[in-house]
Protein backbone atom coordinates (compact mmCIF):
# COMPACT_ATOMS: atom_id res chain seq x y z
CA MET A 1 170.94 320.31 28.83
CA SER A 2 171.62 322.67 26.12
CA ASP A 3 169.21 323.36 23.35
CA LYS A 4 171.80 324.15 20.84
CA GLN A 5 172.45 321.94 17.92
CA ILE A 6 175.11 319.19 17.93
CA GLU A 7 177.94 320.52 15.87
CA LEU A 8 180.60 317.80 16.20
CA ALA A 9 180.29 313.90 16.44
CA VAL A 10 183.64 312.24 17.75
CA LEU A 11 183.41 308.63 16.78
CA ASP A 12 185.58 305.74 17.75
CA MET A 13 186.91 303.29 15.20
CA ALA A 14 187.50 299.78 16.13
CA GLY A 15 184.25 298.46 17.37
CA THR A 16 182.19 301.59 16.66
CA THR A 17 182.53 302.35 13.10
CA VAL A 18 184.90 299.50 12.08
CA ALA A 19 184.12 295.79 12.75
CA ASP A 20 186.86 294.39 15.03
CA GLY A 21 186.38 290.65 14.31
CA GLY A 22 188.96 289.77 17.03
CA LEU A 23 191.83 291.49 15.42
CA VAL A 24 192.70 293.45 18.57
CA LEU A 25 192.95 290.28 20.55
CA ARG A 26 195.01 288.33 17.77
CA ALA A 27 197.50 291.42 17.58
CA PHE A 28 197.67 291.33 21.53
CA ASP A 29 198.51 287.41 21.62
CA ALA A 30 201.38 288.21 19.14
CA ALA A 31 202.72 291.07 21.37
CA ALA A 32 202.30 289.39 24.54
CA THR A 33 204.37 286.40 23.20
CA ALA A 34 207.11 288.63 21.95
CA ALA A 35 207.25 290.21 25.56
CA GLY A 36 207.96 287.18 27.02
CA LEU A 37 204.37 286.36 28.35
CA PRO A 38 203.69 282.45 28.63
CA GLU A 39 201.26 281.55 25.71
CA GLY A 40 198.93 279.62 28.27
CA GLY A 41 198.16 279.90 31.93
CA PRO A 42 196.76 282.42 34.33
CA ASP A 43 199.07 285.15 33.60
CA ARG A 44 198.14 285.17 29.67
CA ALA A 45 194.42 284.75 30.81
CA ALA A 46 194.63 287.82 33.10
CA ALA A 47 196.49 289.89 30.57
CA ARG A 48 193.68 289.21 27.85
CA THR A 49 191.02 290.05 30.53
CA TYR A 50 192.89 293.36 31.09
CA VAL A 51 193.14 294.12 27.39
CA LEU A 52 189.40 293.58 26.97
CA ASP A 53 188.57 295.85 30.22
CA THR A 54 190.92 298.70 28.57
CA MET A 55 189.79 298.45 25.10
CA GLY A 56 189.80 301.93 23.51
CA GLN A 57 192.79 303.19 25.54
CA SER A 58 196.00 303.94 23.96
CA LYS A 59 198.08 300.58 23.48
CA ILE A 60 201.36 301.73 24.93
CA THR A 61 199.52 302.66 27.89
CA VAL A 62 198.01 299.18 28.27
CA PHE A 63 201.34 297.51 27.74
CA ARG A 64 203.02 299.78 30.35
CA ALA A 65 200.41 298.83 32.91
CA LEU A 66 200.68 294.94 32.02
CA PHE A 67 204.49 294.80 31.91
CA GLY A 68 205.57 297.51 33.97
CA ASP A 69 208.93 297.81 32.12
CA GLU A 70 209.25 300.25 29.29
CA ASP A 71 211.55 297.97 27.30
CA ARG A 72 208.95 295.22 27.24
CA ALA A 73 206.14 297.74 26.79
CA GLN A 74 207.76 299.18 23.61
CA LEU A 75 208.62 295.71 22.16
CA ALA A 76 204.93 294.59 22.75
CA ASN A 77 203.54 297.89 21.34
CA ARG A 78 205.80 297.46 18.01
CA THR A 79 204.87 293.96 17.90
CA PHE A 80 201.26 294.69 18.13
CA GLU A 81 201.28 297.66 15.59
CA THR A 82 202.91 295.27 13.09
CA ALA A 83 200.70 292.42 13.78
CA TYR A 84 197.51 294.59 13.62
CA ASP A 85 198.78 296.39 10.47
CA GLU A 86 198.99 292.98 8.86
CA PHE A 87 195.38 292.18 9.86
CA ALA A 88 194.17 295.66 8.93
CA ALA A 89 193.50 294.65 5.29
CA GLU A 90 190.99 292.30 6.79
CA ALA A 91 188.98 295.16 8.40
CA THR A 92 185.19 296.12 7.39
CA ALA A 93 183.01 298.79 8.18
CA ILE A 94 180.23 298.40 10.63
CA PRO A 95 177.06 298.01 8.53
CA GLY A 96 175.70 301.62 8.02
CA ALA A 97 178.90 303.19 9.35
CA ALA A 98 179.89 305.11 6.09
CA GLU A 99 176.36 306.07 5.71
CA ALA A 100 175.83 307.47 8.97
CA ILE A 101 179.07 309.55 8.76
CA THR A 102 177.71 310.87 5.48
CA ALA A 103 174.46 311.48 7.13
CA LEU A 104 175.96 313.46 10.11
CA ARG A 105 177.91 315.74 7.69
CA ALA A 106 174.91 316.18 5.51
CA ALA A 107 173.04 317.44 8.49
CA GLY A 108 175.80 320.08 9.23
CA ILE A 109 177.51 318.08 11.92
CA LYS A 110 181.27 317.68 11.45
CA VAL A 111 182.77 314.27 12.12
CA ALA A 112 186.10 313.14 13.83
CA LEU A 113 187.29 309.54 13.76
CA THR A 114 189.44 308.75 16.59
CA THR A 115 191.46 305.68 17.68
CA GLY A 116 193.56 304.21 20.56
CA PHE A 117 195.95 302.95 17.94
CA SER A 118 198.95 304.71 16.41
CA ARG A 119 198.61 307.05 13.61
CA THR A 120 200.39 304.69 11.38
CA THR A 121 198.00 301.86 12.20
CA GLN A 122 194.87 304.26 11.78
CA ASP A 123 196.15 305.08 8.41
CA LYS A 124 196.23 301.39 7.59
CA LEU A 125 192.59 301.23 8.61
CA LEU A 126 191.59 304.03 6.51
CA ASP A 127 193.63 302.59 3.61
CA ALA A 128 191.65 299.33 4.02
CA LEU A 129 188.28 300.98 4.16
CA GLY A 130 188.92 303.71 1.43
CA TRP A 131 188.01 306.18 4.49
CA HIS A 132 190.68 308.96 4.20
CA ASP A 133 188.25 311.67 2.81
CA ILE A 134 185.13 310.37 4.73
CA ALA A 135 185.58 312.53 7.89
CA ASP A 136 186.41 315.94 8.69
CA LEU A 137 189.32 314.77 10.94
CA THR A 138 191.11 311.70 11.87
CA LEU A 139 193.02 311.60 15.14
CA ALA A 140 195.11 309.10 17.03
CA PRO A 141 196.71 309.75 20.58
CA SER A 142 200.15 310.99 19.19
CA GLN A 143 198.42 313.77 17.73
CA ALA A 144 196.09 314.87 20.85
CA GLY A 145 198.65 314.37 23.70
CA ARG A 146 197.02 311.54 25.57
CA GLY A 147 194.89 308.86 24.51
CA ARG A 148 191.57 307.52 26.17
CA PRO A 149 190.29 307.62 28.98
CA TYR A 150 191.56 311.21 28.98
CA PRO A 151 189.77 314.05 27.15
CA ASP A 152 192.55 315.07 24.97
CA LEU A 153 191.08 313.38 21.56
CA VAL A 154 187.83 314.97 22.05
CA LEU A 155 188.99 318.36 22.94
CA THR A 156 191.67 318.32 20.11
CA ALA A 157 189.03 317.60 17.59
CA LEU A 158 186.88 320.56 18.93
CA LEU A 159 189.77 322.84 18.58
CA ARG A 160 190.78 321.76 15.16
CA LEU A 161 187.44 321.96 13.82
CA ASN A 162 186.51 325.37 15.47
CA ILE A 163 183.71 324.28 17.52
CA ASP A 164 182.79 326.80 20.09
CA ALA A 165 181.67 324.69 23.01
CA VAL A 166 181.67 321.43 24.57
CA ASP A 167 178.02 321.43 24.72
CA ARG A 168 177.76 321.23 20.98
CA VAL A 169 179.75 317.84 20.93
CA ALA A 170 178.64 314.37 20.91
CA VAL A 171 180.88 311.21 21.48
CA LEU A 172 180.13 307.73 20.38
CA GLY A 173 182.14 304.66 21.51
CA ASP A 174 181.88 300.94 22.24
CA THR A 175 184.07 300.92 25.40
CA THR A 176 184.17 302.47 29.03
CA SER A 177 187.23 304.33 27.98
CA ASP A 178 185.49 305.97 25.36
CA ILE A 179 182.43 307.03 27.72
CA ALA A 180 185.13 308.18 30.38
CA SER A 181 186.88 310.35 27.56
CA GLY A 182 183.67 311.90 26.55
CA ILE A 183 182.47 312.61 30.17
CA ALA A 184 185.94 314.29 31.15
CA ALA A 185 185.81 316.47 27.91
CA GLY A 186 182.22 317.70 29.14
CA ALA A 187 180.53 316.51 25.76
CA ARG A 188 176.77 317.07 25.82
CA VAL A 189 176.15 313.51 24.41
CA VAL A 190 178.35 310.59 25.41
CA ALA A 191 176.81 307.61 23.74
CA GLY A 192 177.68 303.86 23.70
CA THR A 193 177.16 301.63 20.92
CA LEU A 194 176.53 297.68 21.15
CA THR A 195 178.89 296.49 18.39
CA GLY A 196 182.16 296.29 20.11
CA ALA A 197 183.78 295.40 23.33
CA HIS A 198 181.54 296.43 26.14
CA THR A 199 178.16 295.52 27.07
CA GLU A 200 175.15 297.93 27.64
CA GLU A 201 175.44 297.40 31.47
CA GLN A 202 179.14 298.37 31.47
CA LEU A 203 178.55 301.41 29.29
CA ARG A 204 175.68 302.61 31.38
CA ALA A 205 177.81 301.97 34.55
CA ALA A 206 180.52 304.24 32.98
CA GLY A 207 177.98 306.94 32.67
CA ALA A 208 176.88 306.73 29.00
CA THR A 209 173.99 309.34 28.49
CA HIS A 210 172.56 307.32 25.59
CA ILE A 211 172.95 303.83 24.09
CA VAL A 212 172.39 302.81 20.43
CA ALA A 213 172.39 299.38 18.87
CA SER A 214 175.00 300.67 16.27
CA VAL A 215 176.49 303.90 14.64
CA ALA A 216 173.75 303.60 12.19
CA ASP A 217 171.43 304.74 14.56
CA PHE A 218 173.40 307.62 15.76
CA PRO A 219 172.37 310.40 13.06
CA ASN A 220 168.69 310.02 14.24
CA LEU A 221 169.60 310.34 17.78
CA LEU A 222 171.55 313.64 17.31
CA THR A 223 168.97 315.18 14.92
CA SER A 224 166.11 314.35 17.45
CA LEU A 225 167.76 316.22 20.40
């Protein structure tokens, strides 16, 4: 493994730096109902399971896979975003998240906040938290090409922040999609956090290089490398 200092930390938002509190599933239920999925029964249960399994991915991609119809997927996506935007005011930071981001930047590590939500929804979260200036960069899938599990968000952050090589990048997320994205990008550290959607077992099975209890522990991990 490289002995070069980490220069960029790419951090997921919901579940990693932002407490979800069930907001995604609440917004999904509204979207599924709008798209004509029965409110009870096996189809709704299977859809909720799929949403949990694919947490971290671009939401329009998830809806396309669920409904197999572009019009229904777009309707579900619009409804999801509207519902989540209403709930975003309830969002709170993971304890220690702001302090961790500040510590990373103080240590000379640039920070990018990424999401599987739309840019508009990401901005709603940043508004609710007062975080528009907390990081060096914030990115949504529409600004990078593709969302997770593809590497585009990580590589776009690297390019925009003028990082010289992927072995100077660390990724942190709470989902297997975050881990897959970091691995695909070739990041030196691809860590899982236990404050969100997926378990330690799921994150390790996906290939996480490290596990932390929360983002609050991430600066110590990176500065100890």
